[in-house]
């Protein structure tokens, strides 16, 4: 990428906006597209090329990165990019699941476009700070060529495998673990509070003992006990990622009994949560079932 610093970016949502801004900060000539014109404005004001479509981005940049919400949107954008003439590398930072990533990569490969499946973890704060973990999968040469771009976005940039789809597998497995930690920590605290214990004291005990996990150490003290529910990842997206993981387990014929139970819990939460609810708001459902509030009261 050193010879051609022109990069395309499609999808300027909660994550993509920060990643695109970091690429501008790093000196890349950025071409951008989002279906919302207002999402492009801050980047255009800083010198990015405003494009009218995904195809126009693929006409302007040799490497195009996308950060999109669902597998169907990724498919549609990838098809649109094929109408452009300059794109030779496609980097998918979204979470689509292994099957879709492999399908999209095959379609683009047939058109002469190399693909790097590169989902990210670290949330909005990580996107803003450039501290994301990027789980890339694809050809080693392509990964090394794109590494300077990826390292603008992430602190931990790892090639997990040679085939598109393997990055997605790593990501959905990670999110299954994260979803499980949130759910079981919520259940444990709800029972503890019902039994007369302080949620804050319990978290202190968990975090100095073998029960410590990312939810008990970070999400609950920062976002649940203060009742802000602002971890920065939507509940509906966590539900989606868990279901993608379970679908891949079924496709491979690998049983995930505990994963299925976690998936059912998140499905219940997604069906009752308000639009745009944060992932930590699954705790509200657990609180209602136990008749308690997991807070600092």
Protein backbone atom coordinates (compact mmCIF):
# COMPACT_ATOMS: atom_id res chain seq x y z
CA UNK A 1 0.00 0.00 0.00
CA UNK A 2 2.98 2.34 0.28
CA UNK A 3 2.98 3.14 -3.43
CA UNK A 4 -0.75 3.87 -3.57
CA UNK A 5 -2.23 5.45 -0.49
CA UNK A 6 -5.71 5.72 -1.99
CA UNK A 7 -8.11 3.66 0.12
CA UNK A 8 -11.87 3.28 -0.08
CA UNK A 9 -14.20 2.95 2.88
CA UNK A 10 -17.87 1.96 2.75
CA UNK A 11 -20.00 2.09 5.90
CA UNK A 12 -19.50 5.03 8.24
CA UNK A 13 -21.52 3.87 11.20
CA UNK A 14 -20.53 3.68 14.86
CA UNK A 15 -17.36 1.72 14.08
CA UNK A 16 -16.65 2.72 10.50
CA UNK A 17 -16.71 6.46 11.14
CA UNK A 18 -13.84 6.18 13.63
CA UNK A 19 -11.84 3.80 11.45
CA UNK A 20 -12.19 6.07 8.43
CA UNK A 21 -11.11 9.06 10.51
CA UNK A 22 -7.99 7.22 11.61
CA UNK A 23 -7.08 6.46 7.99
CA UNK A 24 -7.36 10.18 7.16
CA UNK A 25 -5.21 10.98 10.19
CA UNK A 26 -2.60 8.55 8.87
CA UNK A 27 -2.41 10.38 5.56
CA UNK A 28 -4.39 8.07 3.30
CA UNK A 29 -6.30 9.60 0.39
CA UNK A 30 -9.71 8.27 1.34
CA UNK A 31 -12.79 7.73 -0.84
CA UNK A 32 -15.94 7.20 1.20
CA UNK A 33 -19.55 6.13 0.78
CA UNK A 34 -22.44 5.70 3.17
CA UNK A 35 -26.15 5.63 2.44
CA UNK A 36 -26.47 8.57 4.86
CA UNK A 37 -25.00 11.74 3.37
CA UNK A 38 -24.54 13.24 6.83
CA UNK A 39 -22.22 10.38 7.79
CA UNK A 40 -19.84 11.35 4.99
CA UNK A 41 -19.75 15.07 5.75
CA UNK A 42 -17.11 15.09 8.54
CA UNK A 43 -14.73 13.02 6.42
CA UNK A 44 -15.29 15.08 3.28
CA UNK A 45 -14.62 18.22 5.31
CA UNK A 46 -11.21 16.72 6.14
CA UNK A 47 -10.36 15.93 2.52
CA UNK A 48 -12.01 12.60 1.77
CA UNK A 49 -13.57 12.07 -1.65
CA UNK A 50 -17.35 11.84 -1.37
CA UNK A 51 -18.72 9.04 -3.56
CA UNK A 52 -22.28 8.56 -4.72
CA UNK A 53 -22.19 4.75 -4.55
CA UNK A 54 -20.09 1.76 -3.60
CA UNK A 55 -19.18 1.39 -7.27
CA UNK A 56 -17.77 4.92 -7.27
CA UNK A 57 -15.54 4.01 -4.32
CA UNK A 58 -14.29 0.97 -6.24
CA UNK A 59 -13.55 3.29 -9.18
CA UNK A 60 -11.44 5.56 -6.97
CA UNK A 61 -9.46 3.16 -4.78
CA UNK A 62 -7.39 0.03 -5.25
CA UNK A 63 -8.21 -1.29 -1.78
CA UNK A 64 -11.72 -0.96 -0.36
CA UNK A 65 -12.58 -1.57 3.28
CA UNK A 66 -16.16 -2.10 4.42
CA UNK A 67 -17.74 -1.98 7.88
CA UNK A 68 -21.38 -2.99 7.56
CA UNK A 69 -24.12 -4.23 9.90
CA UNK A 70 -25.48 -7.47 8.40
CA UNK A 71 -24.51 -10.27 6.00
CA UNK A 72 -27.16 -9.20 3.48
CA UNK A 73 -25.79 -5.65 3.38
CA UNK A 74 -22.25 -6.99 2.89
CA UNK A 75 -23.44 -9.11 -0.04
CA UNK A 76 -25.21 -6.17 -1.64
CA UNK A 77 -22.26 -3.81 -1.20
CA UNK A 78 -19.80 -6.38 -2.55
CA UNK A 79 -21.97 -6.76 -5.65
CA UNK A 80 -22.03 -2.99 -6.04
CA UNK A 81 -18.27 -2.72 -5.72
CA UNK A 82 -17.84 -5.08 -8.67
CA UNK A 83 -19.08 -2.31 -10.95
CA UNK A 84 -15.99 -0.25 -10.13
CA UNK A 85 -12.82 -0.49 -12.15
CA UNK A 86 -9.91 0.21 -9.78
CA UNK A 87 -10.53 -2.11 -6.82
CA UNK A 88 -8.09 -5.02 -6.56
CA UNK A 89 -8.41 -5.78 -2.86
CA UNK A 90 -11.50 -6.05 -0.64
CA UNK A 91 -11.27 -5.99 3.16
CA UNK A 92 -14.37 -6.89 5.14
CA UNK A 93 -14.23 -5.56 8.71
CA UNK A 94 -17.87 -6.57 9.34
CA UNK A 95 -19.18 -9.65 11.12
CA UNK A 96 -21.01 -11.78 8.57
CA UNK A 97 -20.27 -15.37 9.61
CA UNK A 98 -17.95 -17.84 7.89
CA UNK A 99 -20.33 -19.02 5.16
CA UNK A 100 -21.14 -15.55 3.80
CA UNK A 101 -17.50 -14.45 3.97
CA UNK A 102 -16.44 -17.46 1.92
CA UNK A 103 -19.24 -16.87 -0.62
CA UNK A 104 -18.44 -13.17 -1.04
CA UNK A 105 -14.73 -13.91 -1.38
CA UNK A 106 -15.39 -16.52 -4.07
CA UNK A 107 -17.54 -14.10 -6.07
CA UNK A 108 -14.95 -11.33 -5.87
CA UNK A 109 -12.07 -13.70 -6.57
CA UNK A 110 -13.77 -14.76 -9.82
CA UNK A 111 -13.76 -11.06 -10.79
CA UNK A 112 -10.04 -10.71 -10.03
CA UNK A 113 -10.40 -9.08 -6.60
CA UNK A 114 -8.40 -10.48 -3.68
CA UNK A 115 -10.25 -10.68 -0.35
CA UNK A 116 -9.22 -10.33 3.24
CA UNK A 117 -11.80 -11.43 5.78
CA UNK A 118 -10.92 -9.19 8.73
CA UNK A 119 -13.57 -8.77 11.45
CA UNK A 120 -12.69 -6.65 14.45
CA UNK A 121 -13.18 -6.67 18.20
CA UNK A 122 -12.83 -3.82 20.67
CA UNK A 123 -15.97 -1.79 20.24
CA UNK A 124 -16.43 1.87 19.46
CA UNK A 125 -13.76 2.90 21.96
CA UNK A 126 -11.24 0.60 20.29
CA UNK A 127 -12.15 1.91 16.84
CA UNK A 128 -11.62 5.48 18.02
CA UNK A 129 -8.31 4.73 19.77
CA UNK A 130 -6.94 2.39 17.10
CA UNK A 131 -6.66 -0.47 19.58
CA UNK A 132 -8.91 -3.01 17.87
CA UNK A 133 -8.06 -6.66 17.52
CA UNK A 134 -8.30 -7.61 13.84
CA UNK A 135 -8.78 -11.30 13.04
CA UNK A 136 -7.72 -11.53 9.42
CA UNK A 137 -7.94 -14.49 7.08
CA UNK A 138 -6.66 -14.66 3.53
CA UNK A 139 -3.47 -15.02 1.54
CA UNK A 140 -0.29 -14.18 3.43
CA UNK A 141 0.94 -11.85 0.67
CA UNK A 142 -2.30 -9.87 0.68
CA UNK A 143 -2.26 -9.66 4.46
CA UNK A 144 1.30 -8.32 4.50
CA UNK A 145 0.49 -5.81 1.78
CA UNK A 146 -2.49 -4.50 3.72
CA UNK A 147 -0.93 -4.74 7.17
CA UNK A 148 0.11 -1.03 7.24
CA UNK A 149 -3.52 -0.04 6.70
CA UNK A 150 -4.82 -2.49 9.28
CA UNK A 151 -2.28 -1.37 11.84
CA UNK A 152 -3.74 2.13 11.65
CA UNK A 153 -6.97 0.59 12.93
CA UNK A 154 -5.82 -2.08 15.34
CA UNK A 155 -3.19 -2.80 17.94
CA UNK A 156 -3.50 -6.58 17.58
CA UNK A 157 -3.55 -7.53 13.89
CA UNK A 158 -3.45 -11.30 13.52
CA UNK A 159 -3.58 -13.58 10.48
CA UNK A 160 -5.65 -16.48 11.83
CA UNK A 161 -5.83 -18.54 8.64
CA UNK A 162 -5.43 -18.62 4.86
CA UNK A 163 -9.10 -18.87 3.86
CA UNK A 164 -11.74 -16.12 3.98
CA UNK A 165 -14.31 -17.23 6.53
CA UNK A 166 -11.74 -18.28 9.10
CA UNK A 167 -11.50 -14.73 10.44
CA UNK A 168 -15.26 -14.75 10.84
CA UNK A 169 -15.09 -18.03 12.72
CA UNK A 170 -12.59 -16.54 15.17
CA UNK A 171 -14.80 -13.47 15.61
CA UNK A 172 -18.10 -15.24 16.24
CA UNK A 173 -16.41 -17.62 18.67
CA UNK A 174 -15.02 -14.61 20.52
CA UNK A 175 -18.46 -13.01 20.64
CA UNK A 176 -20.08 -16.22 21.86
CA UNK A 177 -17.65 -16.14 24.78
CA UNK A 178 -18.39 -12.46 25.40
CA UNK A 179 -22.15 -13.02 25.23
CA UNK A 180 -21.86 -15.96 27.61
CA UNK A 181 -19.86 -13.88 30.09
CA UNK A 182 -22.44 -11.08 30.09
CA UNK A 183 -25.35 -13.48 30.52
CA UNK A 184 -23.89 -15.64 33.28
CA UNK A 185 -22.52 -12.64 35.18
CA UNK A 186 -25.99 -11.09 35.05
CA UNK A 187 -27.62 -14.26 36.31
CA UNK A 188 -25.06 -14.64 39.11
CA UNK A 189 -25.49 -11.05 40.28
CA UNK A 190 -29.28 -11.26 40.10
CA UNK A 191 -29.25 -14.31 42.39
CA UNK A 192 -26.74 -12.67 44.72
CA UNK A 193 -28.79 -9.49 45.03
CA UNK A 194 -31.95 -11.54 45.57
CA UNK A 195 -30.10 -13.24 48.42
CA UNK A 196 -29.26 -9.95 50.06
CA UNK A 197 -25.73 -9.42 48.76
CA UNK A 198 -24.33 -6.19 47.30
CA UNK A 199 -23.75 -6.30 43.53
CA UNK A 200 -20.66 -4.10 43.91
CA UNK A 201 -19.21 -6.33 46.64
CA UNK A 202 -19.89 -9.43 44.58
CA UNK A 203 -18.08 -7.94 41.58
CA UNK A 204 -15.10 -7.14 43.80
CA UNK A 205 -15.08 -10.76 44.96
CA UNK A 206 -15.46 -12.18 41.45
CA UNK A 207 -12.72 -9.95 40.06
CA UNK A 208 -10.21 -11.05 42.68
CA UNK A 209 -11.20 -14.71 42.27
CA UNK A 210 -11.59 -17.37 39.59
CA UNK A 211 -14.94 -16.00 38.38
CA UNK A 212 -13.37 -12.91 36.80
CA UNK A 213 -14.31 -12.31 33.14
CA UNK A 214 -14.60 -9.38 30.74
CA UNK A 215 -18.17 -8.67 31.81
CA UNK A 216 -17.45 -8.68 35.55
CA UNK A 217 -14.25 -6.67 35.14
CA UNK A 218 -15.44 -4.06 32.66
CA UNK A 219 -19.04 -4.03 31.45
CA UNK A 220 -20.85 -4.45 34.75
CA UNK A 221 -18.90 -1.96 36.89
CA UNK A 222 -18.85 0.64 34.08
CA UNK A 223 -22.26 0.22 32.49
CA UNK A 224 -24.65 -1.92 34.55
CA UNK A 225 -24.18 -0.87 38.16
CA UNK A 226 -24.31 2.87 37.24
CA UNK A 227 -27.36 2.05 35.05
CA UNK A 228 -25.89 3.78 31.99
CA UNK A 229 -26.02 0.68 29.75
CA UNK A 230 -23.57 2.17 27.28
CA UNK A 231 -20.99 -0.48 26.43
CA UNK A 232 -21.25 0.56 22.77
CA UNK A 233 -22.40 -2.67 21.11
CA UNK A 234 -26.06 -3.17 20.27
CA UNK A 235 -27.94 -6.10 21.78
CA UNK A 236 -29.36 -7.04 18.40
CA UNK A 237 -25.85 -7.35 16.95
CA UNK A 238 -24.69 -9.56 19.81
CA UNK A 239 -27.73 -11.76 19.20
CA UNK A 240 -26.88 -11.86 15.49
CA UNK A 241 -23.26 -12.86 16.16
CA UNK A 242 -24.24 -15.64 18.56
CA UNK A 243 -26.68 -17.02 16.01
CA UNK A 244 -23.98 -16.89 13.30
CA UNK A 245 -21.71 -18.93 15.57
CA UNK A 246 -24.40 -21.52 16.28
CA UNK A 247 -25.23 -21.74 12.57
CA UNK A 248 -21.60 -22.47 11.79
CA UNK A 249 -21.48 -25.13 14.52
CA UNK A 250 -24.53 -26.78 12.98
CA UNK A 251 -23.00 -26.55 9.51
CA UNK A 252 -19.85 -28.28 10.73
CA UNK A 253 -21.78 -30.85 12.80
CA UNK A 254 -20.15 -29.77 16.06
CA UNK A 255 -22.49 -29.79 19.09
CA UNK A 256 -22.61 -26.65 21.25
CA UNK A 257 -25.05 -27.44 24.05
CA UNK A 258 -24.04 -24.54 26.28
CA UNK A 259 -23.79 -22.23 23.28
CA UNK A 260 -27.35 -23.14 22.31
CA UNK A 261 -28.59 -22.19 25.79
CA UNK A 262 -26.76 -18.86 25.55
CA UNK A 263 -28.25 -18.33 22.11
CA UNK A 264 -31.78 -18.94 23.40
CA UNK A 265 -31.25 -16.41 26.19
CA UNK A 266 -30.05 -13.72 23.78
CA UNK A 267 -32.92 -14.49 21.40
CA UNK A 268 -35.39 -13.84 24.24
CA UNK A 269 -33.63 -10.59 25.10
CA UNK A 270 -33.58 -9.44 21.47
CA UNK A 271 -37.31 -10.10 21.10
CA UNK A 272 -38.17 -7.85 24.05
CA UNK A 273 -35.48 -5.16 24.01
CA UNK A 274 -36.11 -1.67 22.72
CA UNK A 275 -34.67 -0.66 19.36
CA UNK A 276 -30.99 0.19 19.62
CA UNK A 277 -30.63 -1.28 23.12
CA UNK A 278 -27.07 -1.81 24.32
CA UNK A 279 -25.89 -5.39 24.79
CA UNK A 280 -25.65 -4.88 28.55
CA UNK A 281 -29.41 -4.34 28.67
CA UNK A 282 -29.93 -8.10 28.62
CA UNK A 283 -29.50 -7.63 32.36
CA UNK A 284 -32.89 -5.89 32.51
CA UNK A 285 -34.56 -9.16 31.45
CA UNK A 286 -32.62 -11.11 34.08
CA UNK A 287 -33.51 -8.54 36.73
CA UNK A 288 -37.20 -8.74 35.86
CA UNK A 289 -37.14 -12.52 36.20
CA UNK A 290 -35.49 -12.33 39.61
CA UNK A 291 -37.43 -9.30 40.84
CA UNK A 292 -34.27 -7.33 41.65
CA UNK A 293 -32.16 -4.45 40.38
CA UNK A 294 -28.43 -5.06 39.86
CA UNK A 295 -27.14 -1.62 40.76
CA UNK A 296 -25.20 0.32 43.31
CA UNK A 297 -28.24 0.85 45.50
